[in-house]
Amino acid sequence: MKQIKLNIQTKTQKYSILIGKKLSANISQIIKSNSINFNRCLLVADSNVPKKFISTIKKSLKNKTSYIHYLKANELNKNMNSINKILEILLNKNFSRDDCLISIGGGITGDITGFAASLFKRGLKFINIPTTLLSQVDSSIGGKTGVNTKYGKNLIGSFYQPNLVISDTDFLNTLPKREIVCGYGEILKHSIIGNKKFYNFLSKHKNKILKLTSPFLEKAIYESCKIKKAVVEKDEKEKGLRKILNFGHSFAHAYEATLGFSKELNHGEAVILGMKTALNFSIKTKMMNKKDYFSIIDHIDNSDLPSSVSKFFSPKDINKILNFMTKDKKNRSNNINLVLLRKIGAPIINKEYSKKKIGLFLKAFLQN
């Protein structure tokens, strides 16, 4: 059971991220060695996760009293109804604060389970077992939890750090290529905002990572988590620096909401398109280094990543996109707050633009 360990220390919690193969069969031992004590747990599992993994985890937890709740994880089910179903089970089984919620699934499952954990009796133990590349490199780290509403994405939620994150890379072998591509988009984002050396590593080995080849895959996950760790430890509650992690997300969340959170465009794909939009805005406003701009655009266009925003949207969608952008939780006024880029490793936060200016930009951008 070879594993890489990364320790996170925030003001509210200290916990470890474990990355490696065949970790699921040793969950009980891992929990014990990380000094997490509980007698009962509720497993909240995405119904898409292969049952053999669930059985392996349950078998490993044979010394605990465990229950299981299956969740059909998608953006439309990322709502308060899903939270209430989990809370109902916890209340019915009379769980205490010393018991544990364990998420087994991607980012949606982790966000829902973590939010429920933060609400139940004002907080019970929470272990996250992310099963997608996207969740292993991004959403399982940093304690953001929440649900969607008709007004937009993740507008109701809390900051609630897990007690432990277990990233078993064996889960990734069961994923369709589309999901791997989405996870790679977040890895690329972390390199763009945080580390040019890591960006160069990705440029050299992107095809190996997309094919889940060791040790390139594990290094990519570890380095991506390390960048997010550094940011989260300095700014747990997104008061300043942590906003850089939203690079591309203002556009991405609006794209998802405009399409009604449909399967046509999932979160990871939207982030890639959002980054491409933010990069274009950065160069159009003469903020960005041209060499880095063309390098990143070439990286996206030649990596099997979704690269055409106009495939999904046309100028007639602009008002809808802008409407969702104005509701973004980063906004502090009637203007729209964007995270932009000066060069690789040098993001810019708190740049505010009028709805009209972004509308004119999108009109030109979507006609290309």
Protein backbone atom coordinates (compact mmCIF):
# COMPACT_ATOMS: atom_id res chain seq x y z
CA MET A 1 0.00 0.00 0.00
CA LYS A 2 2.33 2.72 -1.28
CA GLN A 3 1.01 6.20 -0.61
CA ILE A 4 1.99 9.87 -0.75
CA LYS A 5 0.94 11.97 2.22
CA LEU A 6 0.24 15.69 2.25
CA ASN A 7 -0.67 17.44 5.51
CA ILE A 8 -3.05 20.42 5.56
CA GLN A 9 -3.14 22.86 8.48
CA THR A 10 -5.86 25.49 8.53
CA LYS A 11 -7.10 27.61 11.45
CA THR A 12 -10.02 25.24 12.00
CA GLN A 13 -8.59 21.81 11.18
CA LYS A 14 -5.47 19.74 10.63
CA TYR A 15 -5.83 16.77 8.30
CA SER A 16 -4.00 14.58 5.80
CA ILE A 17 -4.50 13.83 2.13
CA LEU A 18 -3.35 10.34 1.14
CA ILE A 19 -2.69 9.57 -2.54
CA GLY A 20 -1.98 6.08 -3.86
CA LYS A 21 -3.23 2.76 -5.20
CA LYS A 22 -5.24 0.08 -3.37
CA LEU A 23 -6.12 2.35 -0.44
CA SER A 24 -9.82 1.34 -0.33
CA ALA A 25 -9.07 -2.13 1.04
CA ASN A 26 -7.19 -0.59 3.96
CA ILE A 27 -9.61 2.16 4.98
CA SER A 28 -9.94 0.91 8.56
CA GLN A 29 -6.17 0.77 9.06
CA ILE A 30 -5.73 4.21 7.48
CA ILE A 31 -8.41 5.74 9.72
CA LYS A 32 -6.81 4.19 12.81
CA SER A 33 -3.28 5.33 11.88
CA ASN A 34 -4.61 8.88 11.43
CA SER A 35 -6.15 8.81 14.94
CA ILE A 36 -9.76 9.23 13.81
CA ASN A 37 -12.02 7.46 16.27
CA PHE A 38 -15.71 6.65 15.77
CA ASN A 39 -18.03 3.69 16.27
CA ARG A 40 -20.68 4.39 13.64
CA CYS A 41 -20.60 5.86 10.16
CA LEU A 42 -22.90 6.63 7.27
CA LEU A 43 -21.42 6.08 3.82
CA VAL A 44 -22.86 8.48 1.25
CA ALA A 45 -21.98 6.94 -2.11
CA ASP A 46 -22.51 8.08 -5.67
CA SER A 47 -24.60 5.35 -7.30
CA ASN A 48 -22.19 5.44 -10.27
CA VAL A 49 -19.26 4.19 -8.18
CA PRO A 50 -18.69 0.48 -8.97
CA LYS A 51 -20.23 -1.67 -6.23
CA LYS A 52 -17.01 -3.68 -5.83
CA PHE A 53 -15.36 -0.58 -4.34
CA ILE A 54 -18.26 0.01 -1.94
CA SER A 55 -18.11 -3.65 -0.85
CA THR A 56 -14.35 -3.41 -0.30
CA ILE A 57 -14.75 -0.29 1.86
CA LYS A 58 -17.62 -1.80 3.87
CA LYS A 59 -15.61 -4.98 4.41
CA SER A 60 -12.66 -2.95 5.66
CA LEU A 61 -14.99 -1.16 8.10
CA LYS A 62 -16.30 -4.43 9.56
CA ASN A 63 -15.37 -3.32 13.10
CA LYS A 64 -17.66 -0.28 12.77
CA THR A 65 -21.45 -0.06 12.56
CA SER A 66 -21.97 1.28 9.06
CA TYR A 67 -25.00 2.33 7.02
CA ILE A 68 -25.09 3.28 3.35
CA HIS A 69 -27.04 5.89 1.43
CA TYR A 70 -26.80 5.99 -2.36
CA LEU A 71 -26.97 9.33 -4.12
CA LYS A 72 -27.57 9.95 -7.80
CA ALA A 73 -24.87 12.57 -8.08
CA ASN A 74 -25.53 15.28 -10.64
CA GLU A 75 -25.79 19.07 -10.56
CA LEU A 76 -29.60 18.97 -10.53
CA ASN A 77 -29.58 16.76 -7.40
CA LYS A 78 -27.05 19.00 -5.68
CA ASN A 79 -29.80 20.63 -3.65
CA MET A 80 -31.32 20.93 -0.17
CA ASN A 81 -33.54 17.91 -0.78
CA SER A 82 -30.44 15.69 -0.99
CA ILE A 83 -29.09 17.28 2.21
CA ASN A 84 -32.37 16.64 4.03
CA LYS A 85 -32.34 12.95 3.09
CA ILE A 86 -28.92 12.52 4.70
CA LEU A 87 -29.93 14.50 7.81
CA GLU A 88 -33.08 12.38 8.14
CA ILE A 89 -30.98 9.18 8.27
CA LEU A 90 -28.59 10.67 10.84
CA LEU A 91 -31.49 11.82 13.01
CA ASN A 92 -33.39 8.55 12.64
CA LYS A 93 -30.32 6.49 13.64
CA ASN A 94 -29.55 8.97 16.44
CA PHE A 95 -26.01 9.71 15.30
CA SER A 96 -23.84 11.75 17.65
CA ARG A 97 -21.10 14.29 17.00
CA ASP A 98 -18.56 11.52 17.62
CA ASP A 99 -19.87 9.51 14.66
CA CYS A 100 -18.76 9.97 11.06
CA LEU A 101 -20.02 10.74 7.57
CA ILE A 102 -17.95 9.23 4.75
CA SER A 103 -18.31 10.50 1.18
CA ILE A 104 -17.53 8.09 -1.67
CA GLY A 105 -17.84 9.86 -5.00
CA GLY A 106 -16.84 12.93 -6.98
CA GLY A 107 -17.08 16.60 -6.14
CA ILE A 108 -20.87 16.73 -6.01
CA THR A 109 -21.03 13.85 -3.51
CA GLY A 110 -18.27 15.42 -1.42
CA ASP A 111 -19.91 18.87 -1.42
CA ILE A 112 -23.29 17.44 -0.38
CA THR A 113 -21.86 15.11 2.29
CA GLY A 114 -19.56 17.77 3.70
CA PHE A 115 -22.40 20.29 3.92
CA ALA A 116 -24.63 17.75 5.70
CA ALA A 117 -21.74 17.00 8.10
CA SER A 118 -21.36 20.71 8.89
CA LEU A 119 -25.09 21.05 9.67
CA PHE A 120 -25.77 17.93 11.75
CA LYS A 121 -25.56 18.88 15.45
CA ARG A 122 -23.31 21.74 14.25
CA GLY A 123 -20.67 19.34 13.00
CA LEU A 124 -19.70 15.67 13.02
CA LYS A 125 -16.64 13.85 11.69
CA PHE A 126 -16.23 13.81 7.92
CA ILE A 127 -13.97 11.63 5.75
CA ASN A 128 -13.80 12.29 2.01
CA ILE A 129 -12.95 9.48 -0.43
CA PRO A 130 -12.90 11.29 -3.82
CA THR A 131 -13.36 8.93 -6.77
CA THR A 132 -12.85 11.27 -9.75
CA LEU A 133 -9.69 13.01 -10.88
CA LEU A 134 -11.47 16.37 -10.59
CA SER A 135 -12.37 15.79 -6.94
CA GLN A 136 -8.98 14.31 -6.04
CA VAL A 137 -7.12 17.39 -7.24
CA ASP A 138 -9.61 20.09 -6.30
CA SER A 139 -12.93 19.86 -4.48
CA SER A 140 -11.82 17.39 -1.77
CA ILE A 141 -9.24 19.92 -0.53
CA GLY A 142 -10.05 23.12 1.30
CA GLY A 143 -13.40 22.57 2.96
CA LYS A 144 -15.82 24.22 0.54
CA THR A 145 -19.23 22.53 0.74
CA GLY A 146 -22.62 23.51 -0.65
CA VAL A 147 -25.56 23.10 -2.98
CA ASN A 148 -27.04 24.78 -6.03
CA THR A 149 -30.27 26.76 -6.31
CA LYS A 150 -32.28 28.14 -9.22
CA TYR A 151 -30.37 31.40 -8.66
CA GLY A 152 -26.97 29.85 -9.35
CA LYS A 153 -24.26 27.39 -8.37
CA ASN A 154 -23.02 26.79 -4.80
CA LEU A 155 -24.83 29.81 -3.37
CA ILE A 156 -25.80 27.95 -0.16
CA GLY A 157 -23.01 26.24 1.74
CA SER A 158 -20.33 26.37 4.41
CA PHE A 159 -16.61 26.05 4.96
CA TYR A 160 -16.12 22.69 6.69
CA GLN A 161 -12.77 20.92 6.57
CA PRO A 162 -12.68 17.10 6.43
CA ASN A 163 -10.87 14.99 9.03
CA LEU A 164 -9.16 12.96 6.29
CA VAL A 165 -9.01 12.71 2.47
CA ILE A 166 -8.21 9.33 0.89
CA SER A 167 -7.48 9.56 -2.85
CA ASP A 168 -7.29 6.00 -4.21
CA THR A 169 -6.12 6.26 -7.84
CA ASP A 170 -7.61 2.81 -8.60
CA PHE A 171 -10.99 4.54 -8.85
CA LEU A 172 -9.76 6.51 -11.87
CA ASN A 173 -9.42 3.39 -14.02
CA THR A 174 -13.23 3.05 -14.00
CA LEU A 175 -13.87 6.57 -15.32
CA PRO A 176 -14.78 7.52 -18.89
CA LYS A 177 -12.21 9.61 -20.77
CA ARG A 178 -14.46 12.66 -20.45
CA GLU A 179 -14.07 12.61 -16.65
CA ILE A 180 -10.29 12.33 -16.86
CA VAL A 181 -10.20 15.31 -19.22
CA CYS A 182 -12.26 17.33 -16.71
CA GLY A 183 -9.87 16.55 -13.87
CA TYR A 184 -6.90 17.45 -16.04
CA GLY A 185 -8.49 20.86 -16.60
CA GLU A 186 -8.29 21.63 -12.85
CA ILE A 187 -4.70 20.33 -12.69
CA LEU A 188 -3.85 22.67 -15.56
CA LYS A 189 -5.60 25.56 -13.76
CA HIS A 190 -3.50 25.02 -10.63
CA SER A 191 -0.29 25.06 -12.67
CA ILE A 192 -1.34 28.24 -14.51
CA ILE A 193 -2.05 30.19 -11.32
CA GLY A 194 0.66 28.69 -9.16
CA ASN A 195 3.76 27.15 -10.66
CA LYS A 196 5.43 27.55 -14.07
CA LYS A 197 7.74 24.57 -13.43
CA PHE A 198 4.69 22.37 -12.88
CA TYR A 199 3.06 23.84 -16.01
CA ASN A 200 6.15 22.84 -18.01
CA PHE A 201 5.93 19.32 -16.52
CA LEU A 202 2.31 19.09 -17.70
CA SER A 203 3.22 20.35 -21.16
CA LYS A 204 5.82 17.60 -21.44
CA HIS A 205 3.77 14.74 -19.95
CA LYS A 206 0.08 15.65 -20.53
CA ASN A 207 -0.60 12.57 -22.72
CA LYS A 208 0.83 10.21 -20.08
CA ILE A 209 -1.27 11.86 -17.37
CA LEU A 210 -4.42 11.64 -19.50
CA LYS A 211 -3.68 7.92 -19.96
CA LEU A 212 -3.30 7.55 -16.15
CA THR A 213 0.30 6.42 -16.44
CA SER A 214 2.30 6.08 -13.19
CA PRO A 215 4.24 7.84 -11.75
CA PHE A 216 3.24 10.88 -13.89
CA LEU A 217 -0.39 10.67 -12.71
CA GLU A 218 0.46 10.57 -9.00
CA LYS A 219 2.95 13.43 -9.37
CA ALA A 220 0.34 15.54 -11.17
CA ILE A 221 -2.23 14.90 -8.41
CA TYR A 222 0.32 15.60 -5.66
CA GLU A 223 1.67 18.82 -7.20
CA SER A 224 -1.87 20.05 -7.90
CA CYS A 225 -2.92 19.38 -4.30
CA LYS A 226 0.26 21.09 -3.05
CA ILE A 227 -0.64 24.31 -4.88
CA LYS A 228 -4.15 24.31 -3.43
CA LYS A 229 -2.80 23.44 0.05
CA ALA A 230 -0.51 26.50 0.01
CA VAL A 231 -3.43 28.77 -0.89
CA VAL A 232 -5.98 27.28 1.54
CA GLU A 233 -3.57 27.37 4.48
CA LYS A 234 -3.04 31.11 3.97
CA ASP A 235 -6.69 31.97 3.29
CA GLU A 236 -9.17 29.34 4.49
CA LYS A 237 -12.34 31.44 4.12
CA GLU A 238 -11.59 33.07 0.73
CA LYS A 239 -11.06 36.60 2.05
CA GLY A 240 -8.32 37.35 -0.47
CA LEU A 241 -5.65 35.03 -1.91
CA ARG A 242 -7.94 31.99 -2.20
CA LYS A 243 -9.91 33.80 -4.88
CA ILE A 244 -7.14 32.86 -7.34
CA LEU A 245 -8.52 29.29 -7.27
CA ASN A 246 -11.59 30.68 -9.04
CA PHE A 247 -9.61 31.45 -12.19
CA GLY A 248 -12.04 30.79 -15.07
CA HIS A 249 -14.88 29.94 -12.69
CA SER A 250 -16.94 33.13 -12.99
CA PHE A 251 -17.50 32.33 -16.66
CA ALA A 252 -17.63 28.56 -16.02
CA HIS A 253 -20.41 28.68 -13.42
CA ALA A 254 -22.46 30.99 -15.64
CA TYR A 255 -21.98 28.63 -18.60
CA GLU A 256 -23.20 25.67 -16.52
CA ALA A 257 -26.22 27.56 -15.20
CA THR A 258 -27.12 28.90 -18.67
CA LEU A 259 -27.38 25.30 -19.89
CA GLY A 260 -29.43 24.35 -16.83
CA PHE A 261 -26.63 22.18 -15.39
CA SER A 262 -27.23 19.68 -18.18
CA LYS A 263 -24.99 16.76 -19.16
CA GLU A 264 -24.13 18.68 -22.30
CA LEU A 265 -21.42 20.51 -20.35
CA ASN A 266 -20.13 19.22 -17.03
CA HIS A 267 -18.25 21.24 -14.41
CA GLY A 268 -14.72 20.34 -15.46
CA GLU A 269 -15.43 21.08 -19.11
CA ALA A 270 -17.05 24.40 -18.15
CA VAL A 271 -13.94 25.35 -16.14
CA ILE A 272 -11.69 24.69 -19.14
CA LEU A 273 -13.93 26.87 -21.35
CA GLY A 274 -14.10 29.46 -18.54
CA MET A 275 -10.31 29.58 -18.34
CA LYS A 276 -10.07 30.05 -22.09
CA THR A 277 -12.56 32.94 -21.83
CA ALA A 278 -10.68 34.53 -18.92
CA LEU A 279 -7.39 34.19 -20.81
CA ASN A 280 -8.92 35.90 -23.83
CA PHE A 281 -10.28 38.70 -21.64
CA SER A 282 -6.83 39.05 -20.02
CA ILE A 283 -5.10 39.47 -23.39
CA LYS A 284 -7.84 41.77 -24.79
CA THR A 285 -7.45 44.08 -21.79
CA LYS A 286 -3.67 44.12 -22.36
CA MET A 287 -2.90 42.55 -18.99
CA MET A 288 -1.32 39.33 -20.11
CA ASN A 289 2.05 38.24 -21.40
CA LYS A 290 1.47 37.19 -25.06
CA LYS A 291 3.98 34.34 -24.99
CA ASP A 292 2.26 32.68 -22.02
CA TYR A 293 -1.17 33.33 -23.52
CA PHE A 294 -0.37 31.51 -26.75
CA SER A 295 1.39 28.72 -24.85
CA ILE A 296 -1.68 27.99 -22.69
CA ILE A 297 -4.15 28.27 -25.58
CA ASP A 298 -1.99 25.85 -27.59
CA HIS A 299 -1.86 23.50 -24.58
CA ILE A 300 -5.68 23.47 -24.34
CA ASP A 301 -6.28 23.18 -28.08
CA ASN A 302 -3.88 20.24 -28.40
CA SER A 303 -4.85 18.18 -25.36
CA ASP A 304 -8.25 16.69 -26.29
CA LEU A 305 -9.71 19.30 -23.94
CA PRO A 306 -12.95 21.09 -24.87
CA SER A 307 -11.79 24.33 -26.48
CA SER A 308 -14.69 25.90 -28.38
CA VAL A 309 -17.00 28.11 -26.30
CA SER A 310 -19.00 29.01 -29.44
CA LYS A 311 -19.90 25.32 -29.83
CA PHE A 312 -22.16 25.73 -26.78
CA PHE A 313 -23.09 29.41 -26.81
CA SER A 314 -23.91 32.17 -29.26
CA PRO A 315 -24.49 35.94 -28.82
CA LYS A 316 -28.18 35.27 -28.07
CA ASP A 317 -27.10 33.60 -24.78
CA ILE A 318 -25.14 36.61 -23.54
CA ASN A 319 -27.89 38.17 -21.39
CA LYS A 320 -28.48 34.86 -19.64
CA ILE A 321 -24.75 34.35 -19.05
CA LEU A 322 -24.41 37.90 -17.68
CA ASN A 323 -27.42 37.43 -15.42
CA PHE A 324 -25.77 34.44 -13.75
CA MET A 325 -22.41 36.22 -13.57
CA THR A 326 -23.96 39.12 -11.67
CA LYS A 327 -25.17 36.63 -9.01
CA ASP A 328 -21.67 35.18 -8.50
CA LYS A 329 -20.76 35.06 -4.82
CA LYS A 330 -17.41 36.82 -5.40
CA ASN A 331 -19.13 40.05 -6.45
CA ARG A 332 -19.08 42.91 -3.95
CA SER A 333 -20.99 45.49 -6.02
CA ASN A 334 -23.11 45.73 -9.15
CA ASN A 335 -19.96 45.02 -11.16
CA ILE A 336 -18.67 41.54 -12.00
CA ASN A 337 -15.54 40.38 -10.17
CA LEU A 338 -13.06 38.41 -12.31
CA VAL A 339 -9.84 36.51 -11.67
CA LEU A 340 -7.46 37.20 -14.56
CA LEU A 341 -3.85 36.35 -15.46
CA ARG A 342 -0.73 38.47 -15.98
CA LYS A 343 1.53 35.50 -16.76
CA ILE A 344 1.85 31.86 -15.69
CA GLY A 345 2.11 31.87 -11.89
CA ALA A 346 0.85 35.45 -11.57
CA PRO A 347 -2.98 35.66 -11.30
CA ILE A 348 -4.81 38.93 -10.63
CA ILE A 349 -7.78 39.08 -8.23
CA ASN A 350 -10.53 41.63 -7.53
CA LYS A 351 -10.73 43.09 -11.02
CA GLU A 352 -14.23 44.50 -11.43
CA TYR A 353 -15.96 45.21 -14.72
CA SER A 354 -19.38 46.48 -15.69
CA LYS A 355 -21.95 44.12 -17.11
CA LYS A 356 -21.85 46.19 -20.30
CA LYS A 357 -18.07 45.78 -20.78
CA ILE A 358 -18.18 42.01 -20.29
CA GLY A 359 -21.23 41.82 -22.57
CA LEU A 360 -19.38 43.59 -25.38
CA PHE A 361 -16.38 41.31 -24.88
CA LEU A 362 -18.57 38.18 -25.01
CA LYS A 363 -20.31 39.40 -28.16
CA ALA A 364 -16.96 39.61 -29.97
CA PHE A 365 -15.59 36.44 -28.33
CA LEU A 366 -18.57 34.25 -29.25
CA GLN A 367 -18.52 35.39 -32.88
CA ASN A 368 -14.95 34.10 -33.40
